[in-house]
Amino acid sequence: MNITATIITYNEERNIARAMESLRCCDEIVVVDSGSTDRTAQIAEKLGARVIEYPWGGYARQKNYAAECATNDWILSIDADEALSEALEGEIWQVKKKGPVYDAYTMPRLAQYLGRWILHSGWYPDRKVRLYNRTRARWTGDFVHESVVVSGRTGHLESDLLHFTCESLSEHLRT
């Protein structure tokens, strides 16, 4: 089982290295960039990603395009402000070693907000399908409420996908 990691970006030079460095369990990294004016593309290329420029068409469209550009059917889709925990990376290595039992896998997403991990208020575990076979799943939805719809069986990984949200109140007010 080979896995392509996909990341969509726009001006993510602050986050892209952390995201990519957590993807050692992946065989390929595809970054679909929507015209960044910072160093996102250069950093991603330097770290070994195949960077593809593609005009912004919405989150689901960008993520589906990234999956289409992959050389592998298994996709691990993360956002630039996310990273695999070491434990999650280990679980994914085990799925690769044993072979997939399901068509897609959910994982709990743990958000860091203002420098603190949020383990309450409905923010956790915030399960998301992020590892999937692209022949059995596709992104749908609008704006930031996109999700993966799976035609088949979905399994569950137990370790956290780390989500680094706003670091400051001023950053929160800008978003």
N, C-alpha and C. Protein backbone atom coordinates (compact mmCIF):
# COMPACT_ATOMS: atom_id res chain seq x y z
N MET A 1 0.86 -1.19 0.00
CA MET A 1 0.00 0.00 0.00
C MET A 1 0.90 1.24 0.00
N ASN A 2 0.82 2.01 -1.06
CA ASN A 2 1.52 3.29 -1.13
C ASN A 2 0.53 4.41 -0.89
N ILE A 3 0.99 5.45 -0.23
CA ILE A 3 0.13 6.58 0.14
C ILE A 3 0.70 7.87 -0.42
N THR A 4 -0.17 8.67 -1.02
CA THR A 4 0.18 10.03 -1.40
C THR A 4 -0.46 10.98 -0.40
N ALA A 5 0.36 11.83 0.20
CA ALA A 5 -0.17 12.90 1.05
C ALA A 5 -0.51 14.08 0.15
N THR A 6 -1.64 14.71 0.43
CA THR A 6 -2.03 15.90 -0.32
C THR A 6 -2.27 17.05 0.66
N ILE A 7 -1.82 18.23 0.24
CA ILE A 7 -2.00 19.44 1.04
C ILE A 7 -2.37 20.56 0.07
N ILE A 8 -3.44 21.29 0.37
CA ILE A 8 -3.76 22.48 -0.42
C ILE A 8 -3.23 23.69 0.34
N THR A 9 -2.73 24.67 -0.42
CA THR A 9 -2.08 25.81 0.24
C THR A 9 -2.41 27.14 -0.42
N TYR A 10 -2.31 28.17 0.39
CA TYR A 10 -2.26 29.56 -0.04
C TYR A 10 -1.57 30.33 1.08
N ASN A 11 -0.38 30.82 0.81
CA ASN A 11 0.41 31.59 1.78
C ASN A 11 0.54 30.87 3.12
N GLU A 12 1.11 29.69 3.07
CA GLU A 12 1.27 28.84 4.26
C GLU A 12 2.74 28.63 4.63
N GLU A 13 3.61 29.59 4.31
CA GLU A 13 5.04 29.40 4.61
C GLU A 13 5.30 29.15 6.10
N ARG A 14 4.45 29.66 6.95
CA ARG A 14 4.62 29.47 8.39
C ARG A 14 4.33 28.03 8.82
N ASN A 15 3.48 27.33 8.09
CA ASN A 15 3.01 26.01 8.50
C ASN A 15 3.50 24.83 7.67
N ILE A 16 3.85 25.06 6.42
CA ILE A 16 4.04 23.94 5.48
C ILE A 16 5.14 22.97 5.91
N ALA A 17 6.24 23.46 6.44
CA ALA A 17 7.33 22.56 6.83
C ALA A 17 6.89 21.60 7.94
N ARG A 18 6.21 22.12 8.96
CA ARG A 18 5.75 21.26 10.06
C ARG A 18 4.82 20.17 9.51
N ALA A 19 3.89 20.56 8.64
CA ALA A 19 2.96 19.59 8.06
C ALA A 19 3.72 18.50 7.29
N MET A 20 4.59 18.93 6.39
CA MET A 20 5.30 17.97 5.55
C MET A 20 6.24 17.07 6.34
N GLU A 21 6.91 17.61 7.32
CA GLU A 21 7.85 16.81 8.10
C GLU A 21 7.17 15.72 8.92
N SER A 22 5.86 15.83 9.10
CA SER A 22 5.12 14.80 9.84
C SER A 22 4.67 13.65 8.94
N LEU A 23 4.96 13.73 7.65
CA LEU A 23 4.41 12.79 6.68
C LEU A 23 5.41 11.73 6.23
N ARG A 24 6.27 11.29 7.11
CA ARG A 24 7.29 10.30 6.76
C ARG A 24 6.69 8.96 6.34
N CYS A 25 5.47 8.68 6.71
CA CYS A 25 4.82 7.43 6.35
C CYS A 25 4.27 7.45 4.92
N CYS A 26 4.39 8.57 4.25
CA CYS A 26 3.84 8.70 2.89
C CYS A 26 4.93 8.52 1.84
N ASP A 27 4.52 8.02 0.69
CA ASP A 27 5.45 7.73 -0.40
C ASP A 27 5.59 8.90 -1.37
N GLU A 28 4.67 9.83 -1.30
CA GLU A 28 4.66 10.99 -2.19
C GLU A 28 3.90 12.10 -1.48
N ILE A 29 4.31 13.34 -1.74
CA ILE A 29 3.57 14.49 -1.23
C ILE A 29 3.24 15.40 -2.41
N VAL A 30 1.96 15.69 -2.56
CA VAL A 30 1.48 16.61 -3.60
C VAL A 30 0.92 17.84 -2.90
N VAL A 31 1.43 19.00 -3.27
CA VAL A 31 0.93 20.27 -2.75
C VAL A 31 0.25 21.00 -3.91
N VAL A 32 -1.02 21.33 -3.73
CA VAL A 32 -1.74 22.13 -4.72
C VAL A 32 -1.85 23.53 -4.16
N ASP A 33 -1.16 24.46 -4.82
CA ASP A 33 -1.07 25.83 -4.35
C ASP A 33 -1.94 26.75 -5.20
N SER A 34 -2.61 27.68 -4.54
CA SER A 34 -3.56 28.59 -5.20
C SER A 34 -2.97 29.98 -5.40
N GLY A 35 -1.71 30.05 -5.82
CA GLY A 35 -1.12 31.34 -6.13
C GLY A 35 -0.51 32.06 -4.95
N SER A 36 0.13 31.33 -4.06
CA SER A 36 0.77 31.95 -2.90
C SER A 36 1.75 33.04 -3.33
N THR A 37 1.79 34.10 -2.53
CA THR A 37 2.72 35.20 -2.78
C THR A 37 3.90 35.16 -1.81
N ASP A 38 3.91 34.17 -0.93
CA ASP A 38 5.03 34.00 0.00
C ASP A 38 5.90 32.83 -0.49
N ARG A 39 6.65 32.21 0.38
CA ARG A 39 7.59 31.16 0.01
C ARG A 39 7.02 29.74 0.16
N THR A 40 5.72 29.60 0.23
CA THR A 40 5.11 28.28 0.43
C THR A 40 5.61 27.27 -0.60
N ALA A 41 5.48 27.59 -1.87
CA ALA A 41 5.85 26.64 -2.93
C ALA A 41 7.32 26.28 -2.88
N GLN A 42 8.18 27.25 -2.64
CA GLN A 42 9.62 26.98 -2.59
C GLN A 42 9.97 26.06 -1.42
N ILE A 43 9.37 26.32 -0.27
CA ILE A 43 9.63 25.48 0.91
C ILE A 43 9.15 24.06 0.64
N ALA A 44 7.95 23.92 0.09
CA ALA A 44 7.39 22.60 -0.19
C ALA A 44 8.27 21.83 -1.18
N GLU A 45 8.71 22.50 -2.23
CA GLU A 45 9.58 21.84 -3.21
C GLU A 45 10.90 21.42 -2.57
N LYS A 46 11.47 22.28 -1.77
CA LYS A 46 12.74 21.97 -1.11
C LYS A 46 12.61 20.74 -0.21
N LEU A 47 11.44 20.56 0.39
CA LEU A 47 11.19 19.42 1.27
C LEU A 47 10.73 18.17 0.51
N GLY A 48 10.68 18.26 -0.83
CA GLY A 48 10.41 17.08 -1.63
C GLY A 48 9.02 16.94 -2.21
N ALA A 49 8.19 17.93 -2.05
CA ALA A 49 6.82 17.84 -2.59
C ALA A 49 6.81 18.14 -4.08
N ARG A 50 5.83 17.57 -4.75
CA ARG A 50 5.52 17.98 -6.12
C ARG A 50 4.48 19.09 -5.97
N VAL A 51 4.82 20.30 -6.38
CA VAL A 51 3.94 21.46 -6.22
C VAL A 51 3.26 21.74 -7.55
N ILE A 52 1.94 21.86 -7.49
CA ILE A 52 1.13 22.13 -8.67
C ILE A 52 0.33 23.39 -8.42
N GLU A 53 0.44 24.35 -9.31
CA GLU A 53 -0.36 25.58 -9.22
C GLU A 53 -1.73 25.29 -9.81
N TYR A 54 -2.77 25.70 -9.09
CA TYR A 54 -4.15 25.46 -9.55
C TYR A 54 -5.01 26.57 -8.98
N PRO A 55 -5.74 27.30 -9.83
CA PRO A 55 -6.53 28.43 -9.33
C PRO A 55 -7.59 27.99 -8.33
N TRP A 56 -7.81 28.83 -7.34
CA TRP A 56 -8.75 28.53 -6.27
C TRP A 56 -10.15 28.29 -6.82
N GLY A 57 -10.75 27.17 -6.38
CA GLY A 57 -12.10 26.84 -6.79
C GLY A 57 -12.95 26.33 -5.65
N GLY A 58 -12.47 26.52 -4.43
CA GLY A 58 -13.17 26.01 -3.26
C GLY A 58 -12.42 24.84 -2.66
N TYR A 59 -12.65 24.60 -1.38
CA TYR A 59 -11.90 23.58 -0.65
C TYR A 59 -12.07 22.18 -1.25
N ALA A 60 -13.31 21.75 -1.46
CA ALA A 60 -13.53 20.40 -1.97
C ALA A 60 -12.91 20.24 -3.36
N ARG A 61 -13.07 21.22 -4.21
CA ARG A 61 -12.50 21.14 -5.56
C ARG A 61 -10.97 21.03 -5.51
N GLN A 62 -10.34 21.84 -4.67
CA GLN A 62 -8.88 21.80 -4.56
C GLN A 62 -8.42 20.42 -4.06
N LYS A 63 -9.11 19.90 -3.06
CA LYS A 63 -8.70 18.62 -2.47
C LYS A 63 -8.94 17.46 -3.44
N ASN A 64 -10.03 17.51 -4.20
CA ASN A 64 -10.26 16.47 -5.21
C ASN A 64 -9.21 16.55 -6.32
N TYR A 65 -8.85 17.77 -6.72
CA TYR A 65 -7.82 17.93 -7.74
C TYR A 65 -6.49 17.37 -7.24
N ALA A 66 -6.15 17.66 -6.00
CA ALA A 66 -4.91 17.13 -5.43
C ALA A 66 -4.91 15.60 -5.47
N ALA A 67 -6.04 14.98 -5.12
CA ALA A 67 -6.14 13.52 -5.16
C ALA A 67 -6.00 13.00 -6.59
N GLU A 68 -6.56 13.72 -7.55
CA GLU A 68 -6.43 13.32 -8.96
C GLU A 68 -4.98 13.37 -9.43
N CYS A 69 -4.19 14.28 -8.88
CA CYS A 69 -2.79 14.43 -9.28
C CYS A 69 -1.87 13.40 -8.64
N ALA A 70 -2.37 12.66 -7.67
CA ALA A 70 -1.56 11.67 -6.96
C ALA A 70 -1.24 10.48 -7.85
N THR A 71 -0.10 9.86 -7.61
CA THR A 71 0.25 8.64 -8.35
C THR A 71 -0.27 7.39 -7.65
N ASN A 72 -0.76 7.52 -6.42
CA ASN A 72 -1.28 6.39 -5.66
C ASN A 72 -2.78 6.56 -5.41
N ASP A 73 -3.48 5.43 -5.26
CA ASP A 73 -4.91 5.50 -4.96
C ASP A 73 -5.19 5.87 -3.51
N TRP A 74 -4.28 5.53 -2.60
CA TRP A 74 -4.49 5.87 -1.19
C TRP A 74 -4.00 7.28 -0.94
N ILE A 75 -4.90 8.09 -0.38
CA ILE A 75 -4.65 9.51 -0.14
C ILE A 75 -4.71 9.79 1.36
N LEU A 76 -3.73 10.54 1.84
CA LEU A 76 -3.76 11.11 3.19
C LEU A 76 -3.83 12.61 3.01
N SER A 77 -5.00 13.18 3.24
CA SER A 77 -5.23 14.60 3.01
C SER A 77 -5.14 15.35 4.34
N ILE A 78 -4.18 16.27 4.42
CA ILE A 78 -4.11 17.13 5.60
C ILE A 78 -4.06 18.58 5.15
N ASP A 79 -4.42 19.47 6.04
CA ASP A 79 -4.30 20.90 5.77
C ASP A 79 -2.91 21.36 6.18
N ALA A 80 -2.50 22.50 5.66
CA ALA A 80 -1.16 23.01 5.95
C ALA A 80 -0.97 23.33 7.43
N ASP A 81 -2.06 23.61 8.14
CA ASP A 81 -1.94 23.91 9.57
C ASP A 81 -2.19 22.68 10.44
N GLU A 82 -2.01 21.50 9.86
CA GLU A 82 -2.15 20.25 10.58
C GLU A 82 -0.85 19.45 10.50
N ALA A 83 -0.71 18.47 11.37
CA ALA A 83 0.43 17.56 11.35
C ALA A 83 0.02 16.25 12.01
N LEU A 84 0.62 15.16 11.56
CA LEU A 84 0.38 13.88 12.21
C LEU A 84 1.12 13.85 13.54
N SER A 85 0.46 13.36 14.58
CA SER A 85 1.19 13.07 15.82
C SER A 85 2.08 11.86 15.53
N GLU A 86 3.11 11.67 16.34
CA GLU A 86 3.97 10.49 16.16
C GLU A 86 3.16 9.21 16.28
N ALA A 87 2.21 9.19 17.19
CA ALA A 87 1.38 7.99 17.38
C ALA A 87 0.52 7.73 16.15
N LEU A 88 -0.04 8.77 15.55
CA LEU A 88 -0.86 8.59 14.35
C LEU A 88 0.01 8.10 13.19
N GLU A 89 1.19 8.67 13.07
CA GLU A 89 2.11 8.20 12.02
C GLU A 89 2.38 6.70 12.21
N GLY A 90 2.57 6.27 13.45
CA GLY A 90 2.80 4.86 13.73
C GLY A 90 1.61 3.99 13.34
N GLU A 91 0.41 4.47 13.61
CA GLU A 91 -0.80 3.72 13.22
C GLU A 91 -0.89 3.58 11.71
N ILE A 92 -0.55 4.65 11.00
CA ILE A 92 -0.60 4.61 9.53
C ILE A 92 0.45 3.64 9.00
N TRP A 93 1.64 3.62 9.60
CA TRP A 93 2.65 2.63 9.21
C TRP A 93 2.09 1.22 9.37
N GLN A 94 1.34 0.96 10.45
CA GLN A 94 0.77 -0.36 10.68
C GLN A 94 -0.27 -0.72 9.61
N VAL A 95 -1.10 0.25 9.22
CA VAL A 95 -2.07 0.01 8.15
C VAL A 95 -1.33 -0.34 6.86
N LYS A 96 -0.26 0.38 6.58
CA LYS A 96 0.54 0.09 5.37
C LYS A 96 1.13 -1.32 5.44
N LYS A 97 1.67 -1.67 6.59
CA LYS A 97 2.33 -2.96 6.77
C LYS A 97 1.35 -4.13 6.62
N LYS A 98 0.20 -4.01 7.27
CA LYS A 98 -0.79 -5.09 7.27
C LYS A 98 -1.69 -5.07 6.04
N GLY A 99 -1.80 -3.92 5.40
CA GLY A 99 -2.73 -3.75 4.30
C GLY A 99 -4.05 -3.21 4.81
N PRO A 100 -4.72 -2.39 4.02
CA PRO A 100 -5.97 -1.77 4.48
C PRO A 100 -7.10 -2.79 4.61
N VAL A 101 -7.88 -2.63 5.65
CA VAL A 101 -9.06 -3.46 5.88
C VAL A 101 -10.31 -2.69 5.44
N TYR A 102 -10.22 -1.37 5.41
CA TYR A 102 -11.35 -0.50 5.10
C TYR A 102 -11.02 0.34 3.86
N ASP A 103 -12.04 1.04 3.36
CA ASP A 103 -11.87 1.92 2.20
C ASP A 103 -11.45 3.32 2.61
N ALA A 104 -11.62 3.63 3.88
CA ALA A 104 -11.24 4.95 4.42
C ALA A 104 -11.09 4.81 5.92
N TYR A 105 -10.37 5.78 6.50
CA TYR A 105 -10.14 5.79 7.95
C TYR A 105 -10.38 7.19 8.50
N THR A 106 -11.09 7.24 9.63
CA THR A 106 -11.21 8.50 10.36
C THR A 106 -10.07 8.60 11.36
N MET A 107 -9.84 9.81 11.81
CA MET A 107 -8.86 10.05 12.88
C MET A 107 -9.35 11.21 13.71
N PRO A 108 -9.10 11.20 15.02
CA PRO A 108 -9.51 12.32 15.85
C PRO A 108 -8.59 13.52 15.60
N ARG A 109 -9.19 14.69 15.48
CA ARG A 109 -8.40 15.91 15.27
C ARG A 109 -8.38 16.70 16.57
N LEU A 110 -7.18 17.00 17.03
CA LEU A 110 -6.97 17.73 18.28
C LEU A 110 -6.48 19.13 17.94
N ALA A 111 -7.28 20.14 18.33
CA ALA A 111 -6.96 21.53 17.98
C ALA A 111 -6.16 22.21 19.08
N GLN A 112 -5.19 22.99 18.65
CA GLN A 112 -4.46 23.88 19.54
C GLN A 112 -4.95 25.30 19.24
N TYR A 113 -5.45 25.98 20.26
CA TYR A 113 -5.99 27.33 20.10
C TYR A 113 -5.35 28.22 21.15
N LEU A 114 -4.76 29.32 20.71
CA LEU A 114 -4.06 30.25 21.59
C LEU A 114 -3.01 29.52 22.43
N GLY A 115 -2.36 28.54 21.80
CA GLY A 115 -1.27 27.81 22.45
C GLY A 115 -1.69 26.68 23.37
N ARG A 116 -2.99 26.39 23.45
CA ARG A 116 -3.48 25.33 24.34
C ARG A 116 -4.25 24.28 23.55
N TRP A 117 -4.06 23.03 23.94
CA TRP A 117 -4.82 21.94 23.33
C TRP A 117 -6.23 21.95 23.89
N ILE A 118 -7.23 21.93 23.02
CA ILE A 118 -8.63 22.02 23.43
C ILE A 118 -9.23 20.60 23.46
N LEU A 119 -9.50 20.12 24.66
CA LEU A 119 -10.00 18.76 24.86
C LEU A 119 -11.46 18.74 25.30
N HIS A 120 -12.18 19.84 25.09
CA HIS A 120 -13.55 19.97 25.56
C HIS A 120 -14.35 20.83 24.58
N SER A 121 -15.53 21.23 24.97
CA SER A 121 -16.38 22.17 24.22
C SER A 121 -16.80 21.65 22.85
N GLY A 122 -16.78 20.34 22.66
CA GLY A 122 -17.16 19.78 21.37
C GLY A 122 -16.07 19.87 20.31
N TRP A 123 -14.91 20.39 20.68
CA TRP A 123 -13.80 20.50 19.73
C TRP A 123 -13.03 19.20 19.58
N TYR A 124 -13.18 18.30 20.52
CA TYR A 124 -12.41 17.06 20.48
C TYR A 124 -13.34 15.90 20.82
N PRO A 125 -13.30 14.85 20.07
CA PRO A 125 -12.26 14.42 19.16
C PRO A 125 -12.39 14.89 17.71
N ASP A 126 -13.47 15.52 17.30
CA ASP A 126 -13.61 16.09 15.95
C ASP A 126 -13.08 15.13 14.88
N ARG A 127 -13.67 13.93 14.82
CA ARG A 127 -13.22 12.89 13.88
C ARG A 127 -13.42 13.30 12.43
N LYS A 128 -12.39 13.05 11.62
CA LYS A 128 -12.41 13.39 10.20
C LYS A 128 -11.88 12.21 9.39
N VAL A 129 -12.49 11.95 8.23
CA VAL A 129 -11.91 11.01 7.28
C VAL A 129 -10.78 11.75 6.58
N ARG A 130 -9.58 11.26 6.71
CA ARG A 130 -8.43 11.89 6.04
C ARG A 130 -7.57 10.88 5.28
N LEU A 131 -7.69 9.60 5.60
CA LEU A 131 -6.97 8.56 4.87
C LEU A 131 -8.02 7.75 4.13
N TYR A 132 -7.92 7.73 2.80
CA TYR A 132 -8.96 7.08 2.01
C TYR A 132 -8.43 6.60 0.66
N ASN A 133 -9.14 5.63 0.11
CA ASN A 133 -8.86 5.16 -1.24
C ASN A 133 -9.67 6.04 -2.19
N ARG A 134 -8.98 6.75 -3.07
CA ARG A 134 -9.66 7.72 -3.94
C ARG A 134 -10.62 7.06 -4.93
N THR A 135 -10.53 5.75 -5.12
CA THR A 135 -11.49 5.08 -5.99
C THR A 135 -12.81 4.83 -5.26
N ARG A 136 -12.83 5.06 -3.94
CA ARG A 136 -14.02 4.80 -3.13
C ARG A 136 -14.50 6.01 -2.34
N ALA A 137 -13.86 7.17 -2.55
CA ALA A 137 -14.22 8.34 -1.74
C ALA A 137 -13.93 9.62 -2.52
N ARG A 138 -14.63 10.69 -2.11
CA ARG A 138 -14.49 11.98 -2.78
C ARG A 138 -14.90 13.09 -1.82
N TRP A 139 -14.22 14.24 -1.94
CA TRP A 139 -14.56 15.42 -1.15
C TRP A 139 -15.83 16.07 -1.70
N THR A 140 -16.71 16.50 -0.79
CA THR A 140 -17.90 17.26 -1.16
C THR A 140 -18.08 18.38 -0.16
N GLY A 141 -18.95 19.34 -0.50
CA GLY A 141 -19.27 20.40 0.45
C GLY A 141 -18.76 21.75 0.01
N ASP A 142 -19.17 22.76 0.76
CA ASP A 142 -18.85 24.14 0.45
C ASP A 142 -18.01 24.76 1.54
N PHE A 143 -17.36 25.84 1.19
CA PHE A 143 -16.57 26.67 2.08
C PHE A 143 -15.67 25.81 2.95
N VAL A 144 -15.71 25.96 4.25
CA VAL A 144 -14.81 25.19 5.12
C VAL A 144 -15.50 23.99 5.75
N HIS A 145 -16.67 23.64 5.27
CA HIS A 145 -17.39 22.50 5.83
C HIS A 145 -17.37 21.32 4.87
N GLU A 146 -16.26 21.19 4.15
CA GLU A 146 -16.11 20.08 3.22
C GLU A 146 -15.86 18.79 4.00
N SER A 147 -16.20 17.67 3.40
CA SER A 147 -15.95 16.38 4.04
C SER A 147 -15.80 15.32 2.96
N VAL A 148 -15.27 14.18 3.37
CA VAL A 148 -15.08 13.06 2.46
C VAL A 148 -16.30 12.15 2.55
N VAL A 149 -16.90 11.86 1.40
CA VAL A 149 -17.99 10.90 1.33
C VAL A 149 -17.40 9.59 0.82
N VAL A 150 -17.62 8.52 1.56
CA VAL A 150 -17.01 7.23 1.27
C VAL A 150 -18.07 6.27 0.76
N SER A 151 -17.76 5.57 -0.34
CA SER A 151 -18.60 4.48 -0.83
C SER A 151 -17.93 3.19 -0.40
N GLY A 152 -18.24 2.76 0.78
CA GLY A 152 -17.60 1.56 1.30
C GLY A 152 -17.50 1.63 2.82
N ARG A 153 -16.59 0.84 3.36
CA ARG A 153 -16.45 0.72 4.80
C ARG A 153 -15.41 1.69 5.34
N THR A 154 -15.71 2.25 6.51
CA THR A 154 -14.81 3.21 7.15
C THR A 154 -14.33 2.66 8.48
N GLY A 155 -13.03 2.67 8.67
CA GLY A 155 -12.42 2.26 9.93
C GLY A 155 -11.99 3.49 10.72
N HIS A 156 -11.48 3.26 11.92
CA HIS A 156 -11.13 4.37 12.80
C HIS A 156 -9.72 4.19 13.35
N LEU A 157 -8.90 5.21 13.17
CA LEU A 157 -7.60 5.27 13.82
C LEU A 157 -7.79 6.01 15.14
N GLU A 158 -6.96 5.72 16.12
CA GLU A 158 -7.18 6.25 17.46
C GLU A 158 -6.28 7.42 17.84
N SER A 159 -5.19 7.62 17.12
CA SER A 159 -4.24 8.67 17.49
C SER A 159 -4.58 9.98 16.78
N ASP A 160 -4.05 11.07 17.31
CA ASP A 160 -4.50 12.40 16.92
C ASP A 160 -3.82 12.99 15.69
N LEU A 161 -4.65 13.64 14.89
CA LEU A 161 -4.20 14.58 13.87
C LEU A 161 -4.17 15.94 14.57
N LEU A 162 -3.03 16.58 14.60
CA LEU A 162 -2.87 17.84 15.33
C LEU A 162 -3.24 19.01 14.43
N HIS A 163 -4.09 19.90 14.94
CA HIS A 163 -4.56 21.06 14.18
C HIS A 163 -4.12 22.32 14.92
N PHE A 164 -3.23 23.07 14.28
CA PHE A 164 -2.68 24.28 14.89
C PHE A 164 -3.49 25.47 14.39
N THR A 165 -4.46 25.91 15.18
CA THR A 165 -5.34 27.01 14.78
C THR A 165 -4.69 28.33 15.18
N CYS A 166 -5.46 29.29 15.52
CA CYS A 166 -4.97 30.65 15.82
C CYS A 166 -4.01 30.67 17.00
N GLU A 167 -2.89 31.35 16.81
CA GLU A 167 -1.89 31.48 17.88
C GLU A 167 -2.15 32.68 18.77
N SER A 168 -2.94 33.65 18.27
CA SER A 168 -3.19 34.87 19.05
C SER A 168 -4.59 35.37 18.76
N LEU A 169 -5.08 36.25 19.62
CA LEU A 169 -6.40 36.84 19.39
C LEU A 169 -6.41 37.71 18.14
N SER A 170 -5.32 38.41 17.87
CA SER A 170 -5.27 39.23 16.66
C SER A 170 -5.35 38.36 15.41
N GLU A 171 -4.71 37.19 15.44
CA GLU A 171 -4.82 36.26 14.31
C GLU A 171 -6.25 35.77 14.17
N HIS A 172 -6.90 35.46 15.27
CA HIS A 172 -8.29 35.00 15.24
C HIS A 172 -9.19 36.07 14.62
N LEU A 173 -8.98 37.32 14.97
CA LEU A 173 -9.81 38.40 14.44
C LEU A 173 -9.60 38.61 12.95
N ARG A 174 -8.43 38.25 12.44
CA ARG A 174 -8.15 38.39 11.00
C ARG A 174 -8.79 37.28 10.18
N THR A 175 -9.17 36.18 10.81
CA THR A 175 -9.70 35.05 10.05
C THR A 175 -11.21 35.08 9.96
